[in-house]
Amino acid sequence: MDLKIEGIKRFGLVGKNIDYSFSKKYFEKKFIQKNIKNCTYENFDINSIDLIKEIFLLKNIKGLNVTIPYKQKIIPYLDFIDSKAKSINAVNTICFLKNGSTKGFNTDINGFEKALFNNWKKIKTKCLIIGTGGASKAVEYVLTNNNIATTFVSRNPKKNQISYSKISSEIINTHKLIINCTPIGTYPNINIAPKIDYNLLTSEHFLFDLIYNPNETMFLKEGKARGCKTLNGNEMLKEQADKAWSIWNQ
């Protein structure tokens, strides 16, 4: 796993079952297009978060992205955490400081905010957030800061959350913004979608799926068939990746 090349800067993605990931191809393409020399980007596919200790010790490691299922589990292994990441208890970017310590950030916040407001004209409505994992925390952070009320949907709802069976026609009608933060519909399981009544959707609804593979999930297809405006996770992913790159190079 270690590289024996002096002066190289190593970056990578930490996750589980991440062969599908966009990040490696995106950064490798970026290095070529921007003529960035002596940089590599690797996938660190680990079965247990404890293995992060070995990655931290690798020679010339400069920055990491973190994805499912480790955005929250990674936190105890870090020396410092940015205030935004701390407030949502989720980290997706790690920077290795000059003194050798590690600092966690959450660039999903930046990526989601830019992608959403570049494509959705803000209206007076509520947002239905499907899923309660690490990505949903970034979504809630942005929406709350923009005075958009949220309702969380979960298979196992906790306080102030609802189950799928509680998604009524009234909730759909008052929540014109619906965001899928679950992995439901991700390749290769592309023929499934979150269990909501899609027949209640109208052309006034905006469906945002954080998934980027496939380009159009069943969730988005169901919405589009009913006149909804839709957006996949590609733009968010690119925005958060570029933000991570700026953090690593600041």
Protein backbone atom coordinates (compact mmCIF):
# COMPACT_ATOMS: atom_id res chain seq x y z
CA MET A 1 0.00 0.00 0.00
CA ASP A 2 2.90 2.36 0.73
CA LEU A 3 4.65 4.24 -2.06
CA LYS A 4 8.44 4.45 -2.17
CA ILE A 5 8.64 7.76 -4.00
CA GLU A 6 10.13 10.75 -2.24
CA GLY A 7 8.31 14.04 -2.55
CA ILE A 8 4.99 12.59 -3.66
CA LYS A 9 1.81 13.89 -2.04
CA ARG A 10 -0.73 11.17 -1.29
CA PHE A 11 -4.46 11.71 -1.04
CA GLY A 12 -7.27 9.21 -0.88
CA LEU A 13 -10.73 8.03 0.05
CA VAL A 14 -11.53 6.02 3.18
CA GLY A 15 -14.68 3.90 3.14
CA LYS A 16 -16.12 0.43 2.78
CA ASN A 17 -16.93 -1.22 -0.56
CA ILE A 18 -15.89 1.90 -2.47
CA ASP A 19 -14.93 0.49 -5.87
CA TYR A 20 -17.87 2.46 -7.31
CA SER A 21 -16.54 5.76 -6.00
CA PHE A 22 -16.33 8.89 -8.10
CA SER A 23 -13.55 10.50 -6.06
CA LYS A 24 -10.51 8.65 -7.41
CA LYS A 25 -11.38 9.28 -11.06
CA TYR A 26 -12.31 12.89 -10.32
CA PHE A 27 -9.02 13.76 -8.65
CA GLU A 28 -6.89 11.83 -11.13
CA LYS A 29 -8.61 13.75 -13.94
CA LYS A 30 -8.08 16.99 -12.03
CA PHE A 31 -4.36 16.27 -11.65
CA ILE A 32 -4.05 15.81 -15.43
CA GLN A 33 -6.19 18.79 -16.45
CA LYS A 34 -4.51 21.18 -14.00
CA ASN A 35 -1.05 19.73 -14.67
CA ILE A 36 -0.65 18.94 -10.96
CA LYS A 37 2.53 16.93 -10.51
CA ASN A 38 3.63 14.43 -7.84
CA CYS A 39 0.15 13.77 -6.46
CA THR A 40 -1.73 10.49 -6.20
CA TYR A 41 -5.26 9.60 -5.09
CA GLU A 42 -6.00 6.12 -3.75
CA ASN A 43 -8.97 4.16 -2.44
CA PHE A 44 -8.49 2.86 1.10
CA ASP A 45 -11.22 0.24 1.38
CA ILE A 46 -11.30 -0.90 5.01
CA ASN A 47 -13.60 -3.29 6.87
CA SER A 48 -13.05 -1.67 10.26
CA ILE A 49 -12.47 1.93 11.31
CA ASP A 50 -9.58 0.77 13.52
CA LEU A 51 -7.53 0.31 10.34
CA ILE A 52 -7.49 4.09 9.92
CA LYS A 53 -4.51 4.10 12.30
CA GLU A 54 -2.43 2.30 9.67
CA ILE A 55 -3.47 4.76 6.95
CA PHE A 56 -2.52 7.71 9.16
CA LEU A 57 1.00 6.27 9.39
CA LEU A 58 1.53 5.95 5.65
CA LYS A 59 4.40 7.91 4.18
CA ASN A 60 3.57 11.26 2.52
CA ILE A 61 -0.17 11.12 3.27
CA LYS A 62 -1.53 14.69 3.02
CA GLY A 63 -5.32 14.47 2.90
CA LEU A 64 -8.24 12.07 2.98
CA ASN A 65 -11.89 12.03 2.07
CA VAL A 66 -14.19 9.89 4.21
CA THR A 67 -17.39 8.21 3.07
CA ILE A 68 -19.99 5.69 4.25
CA PRO A 69 -19.93 4.19 6.84
CA TYR A 70 -17.16 6.12 8.60
CA LYS A 71 -18.17 9.82 8.58
CA GLN A 72 -19.09 9.68 12.25
CA LYS A 73 -16.94 6.75 13.37
CA ILE A 74 -13.77 8.56 12.26
CA ILE A 75 -14.16 11.42 14.75
CA PRO A 76 -12.54 9.82 17.85
CA TYR A 77 -9.38 9.16 15.79
CA LEU A 78 -8.83 12.85 14.94
CA ASP A 79 -6.83 15.44 16.88
CA PHE A 80 -8.96 18.43 15.91
CA ILE A 81 -12.37 19.01 14.35
CA ASP A 82 -13.60 22.09 12.48
CA SER A 83 -16.55 23.83 14.17
CA LYS A 84 -19.02 23.03 11.36
CA ALA A 85 -18.07 19.35 11.32
CA LYS A 86 -18.33 19.26 15.09
CA SER A 87 -21.79 20.80 15.08
CA ILE A 88 -23.17 18.06 12.81
CA ASN A 89 -20.96 15.29 14.22
CA ALA A 90 -19.80 14.14 10.78
CA VAL A 91 -16.44 14.40 9.00
CA ASN A 92 -15.82 13.76 5.29
CA THR A 93 -12.42 15.45 4.87
CA ILE A 94 -9.20 15.06 6.84
CA CYS A 95 -6.21 17.37 6.59
CA PHE A 96 -2.77 16.40 7.88
CA LEU A 97 -1.23 19.46 9.50
CA LYS A 98 2.46 20.35 9.34
CA ASN A 99 3.01 19.21 12.92
CA GLY A 100 1.66 15.76 12.04
CA SER A 101 -1.73 16.15 13.72
CA THR A 102 -5.06 15.56 11.96
CA LYS A 103 -8.04 17.87 11.56
CA GLY A 104 -11.52 16.90 10.34
CA PHE A 105 -13.81 19.02 8.17
CA ASN A 106 -17.18 18.57 6.50
CA THR A 107 -17.22 19.76 2.90
CA ASP A 108 -20.62 18.13 2.29
CA ILE A 109 -22.03 21.33 3.80
CA ASN A 110 -20.40 23.50 1.15
CA GLY A 111 -21.14 21.04 -1.66
CA PHE A 112 -24.81 20.60 -0.79
CA GLU A 113 -25.47 24.31 -0.32
CA LYS A 114 -23.95 25.28 -3.66
CA ALA A 115 -25.63 22.46 -5.58
CA LEU A 116 -29.07 23.11 -4.07
CA PHE A 117 -29.21 26.86 -4.55
CA ASN A 118 -27.62 26.71 -8.00
CA ASN A 119 -30.58 24.60 -9.13
CA TRP A 120 -33.54 25.31 -6.85
CA LYS A 121 -35.27 28.65 -6.51
CA LYS A 122 -36.00 29.01 -2.83
CA ILE A 123 -39.71 29.09 -2.01
CA LYS A 124 -41.66 29.06 1.24
CA THR A 125 -41.87 25.36 1.98
CA LYS A 126 -40.58 22.61 4.24
CA CYS A 127 -38.10 19.89 3.39
CA LEU A 128 -38.53 16.14 3.77
CA ILE A 129 -35.14 14.55 4.48
CA ILE A 130 -35.10 10.82 3.81
CA GLY A 131 -32.42 9.15 5.92
CA THR A 132 -30.62 10.10 9.12
CA GLY A 133 -26.97 9.23 8.39
CA GLY A 134 -23.92 11.49 8.20
CA ALA A 135 -24.89 13.17 4.92
CA SER A 136 -28.31 14.11 6.28
CA LYS A 137 -26.65 16.12 9.04
CA ALA A 138 -24.95 18.37 6.49
CA VAL A 139 -28.25 18.78 4.65
CA GLU A 140 -30.06 19.75 7.84
CA TYR A 141 -27.30 22.22 8.75
CA VAL A 142 -27.66 24.08 5.45
CA LEU A 143 -31.45 24.10 5.46
CA THR A 144 -31.68 25.30 9.06
CA ASN A 145 -29.23 28.12 8.31
CA ASN A 146 -31.50 29.11 5.42
CA ASN A 147 -34.65 29.04 7.57
CA ILE A 148 -36.15 25.97 5.90
CA ALA A 149 -37.97 23.67 8.33
CA THR A 150 -37.15 19.97 8.03
CA THR A 151 -38.80 16.63 8.74
CA PHE A 152 -36.66 13.49 8.96
CA VAL A 153 -37.85 10.11 7.69
CA SER A 154 -36.28 6.95 9.10
CA ARG A 155 -36.87 3.20 9.12
CA ASN A 156 -36.32 3.39 12.88
CA PRO A 157 -37.55 6.87 13.84
CA LYS A 158 -36.31 8.55 16.99
CA LYS A 159 -37.60 11.70 18.62
CA ASN A 160 -38.72 14.33 16.08
CA GLN A 161 -38.50 11.83 13.21
CA ILE A 162 -41.23 9.94 11.35
CA SER A 163 -41.44 6.49 9.78
CA TYR A 164 -42.17 5.93 6.09
CA SER A 165 -45.72 4.85 6.96
CA LYS A 166 -46.37 8.29 8.47
CA ILE A 167 -45.66 10.20 5.24
CA SER A 168 -49.17 11.48 4.60
CA SER A 169 -50.56 13.44 1.67
CA GLU A 170 -50.48 16.53 3.92
CA ILE A 171 -46.75 16.06 4.58
CA ILE A 172 -46.00 15.63 0.88
CA ASN A 173 -48.09 18.71 0.09
CA THR A 174 -46.31 20.91 2.65
CA HIS A 175 -42.83 19.59 1.89
CA LYS A 176 -42.10 20.68 -1.69
CA LEU A 177 -38.40 19.94 -1.28
CA ILE A 178 -37.58 16.22 -0.83
CA ILE A 179 -34.00 15.02 -0.41
CA ASN A 180 -32.82 11.42 -0.43
CA CYS A 181 -29.84 10.99 1.91
CA THR A 182 -29.99 7.18 1.96
CA PRO A 183 -28.03 4.79 -0.30
CA ILE A 184 -31.33 3.35 -1.58
CA GLY A 185 -31.07 3.13 -5.38
CA THR A 186 -27.27 3.21 -5.58
CA TYR A 187 -25.61 0.99 -8.20
CA PRO A 188 -25.98 -1.96 -8.52
CA ASN A 189 -29.36 -1.90 -6.73
CA ILE A 190 -30.79 0.62 -9.17
CA ASN A 191 -34.39 -0.65 -9.33
CA ILE A 192 -35.41 0.39 -5.83
CA ALA A 193 -36.39 3.74 -4.33
CA PRO A 194 -37.39 5.15 -0.94
CA LYS A 195 -40.92 4.04 -0.10
CA ILE A 196 -43.02 7.16 -0.46
CA ASP A 197 -46.25 7.63 -2.44
CA TYR A 198 -44.88 9.15 -5.64
CA ASN A 199 -48.41 9.68 -6.99
CA LEU A 200 -48.76 12.54 -4.49
CA LEU A 201 -45.94 14.50 -6.13
CA THR A 202 -46.61 17.49 -8.38
CA SER A 203 -44.68 19.82 -10.66
CA GLU A 204 -44.15 22.07 -7.62
CA HIS A 205 -41.88 19.49 -5.99
CA PHE A 206 -38.10 19.43 -6.24
CA LEU A 207 -36.38 16.06 -5.69
CA PHE A 208 -32.68 16.01 -4.84
CA ASP A 209 -30.91 12.66 -4.61
CA LEU A 210 -27.40 12.74 -3.11
CA ILE A 211 -26.64 9.54 -5.06
CA TYR A 212 -24.57 10.07 -8.22
CA ASN A 213 -24.34 6.49 -9.53
CA PRO A 214 -26.56 5.94 -11.45
CA ASN A 215 -27.04 9.44 -12.84
CA GLU A 216 -30.79 9.07 -12.53
CA THR A 217 -32.02 6.92 -9.66
CA MET A 218 -35.46 5.36 -9.49
CA PHE A 219 -36.30 8.07 -6.92
CA LEU A 220 -35.58 10.76 -9.51
CA LYS A 221 -37.29 8.85 -12.33
CA GLU A 222 -40.47 8.55 -10.27
CA GLY A 223 -40.40 12.28 -9.59
CA LYS A 224 -39.65 13.28 -13.17
CA ALA A 225 -42.54 11.13 -14.40
CA ARG A 226 -44.83 13.32 -12.30
CA GLY A 227 -43.41 16.63 -13.47
CA CYS A 228 -41.00 17.26 -10.59
CA LYS A 229 -37.73 19.06 -11.07
CA THR A 230 -34.86 16.75 -10.12
CA LEU A 231 -31.15 16.86 -9.28
CA ASN A 232 -28.63 14.09 -8.68
CA GLY A 233 -25.54 14.18 -6.47
CA ASN A 234 -22.93 14.94 -9.15
CA GLU A 235 -22.73 18.68 -8.63
CA MET A 236 -22.65 18.35 -4.85
CA LEU A 237 -19.86 15.81 -5.15
CA LYS A 238 -17.74 18.03 -7.37
CA GLU A 239 -18.27 21.06 -5.14
CA GLN A 240 -17.35 19.18 -1.96
CA ALA A 241 -14.30 17.62 -3.66
CA ASP A 242 -13.04 21.02 -4.77
CA LYS A 243 -13.57 22.39 -1.26
CA ALA A 244 -11.55 19.46 0.14
CA TRP A 245 -8.74 20.21 -2.31
CA SER A 246 -8.64 23.84 -1.18
CA ILE A 247 -8.44 22.74 2.47
CA TRP A 248 -5.56 20.37 1.73
CA ASN A 249 -3.68 23.16 -0.02
CA GLN A 250 -4.36 26.12 2.27
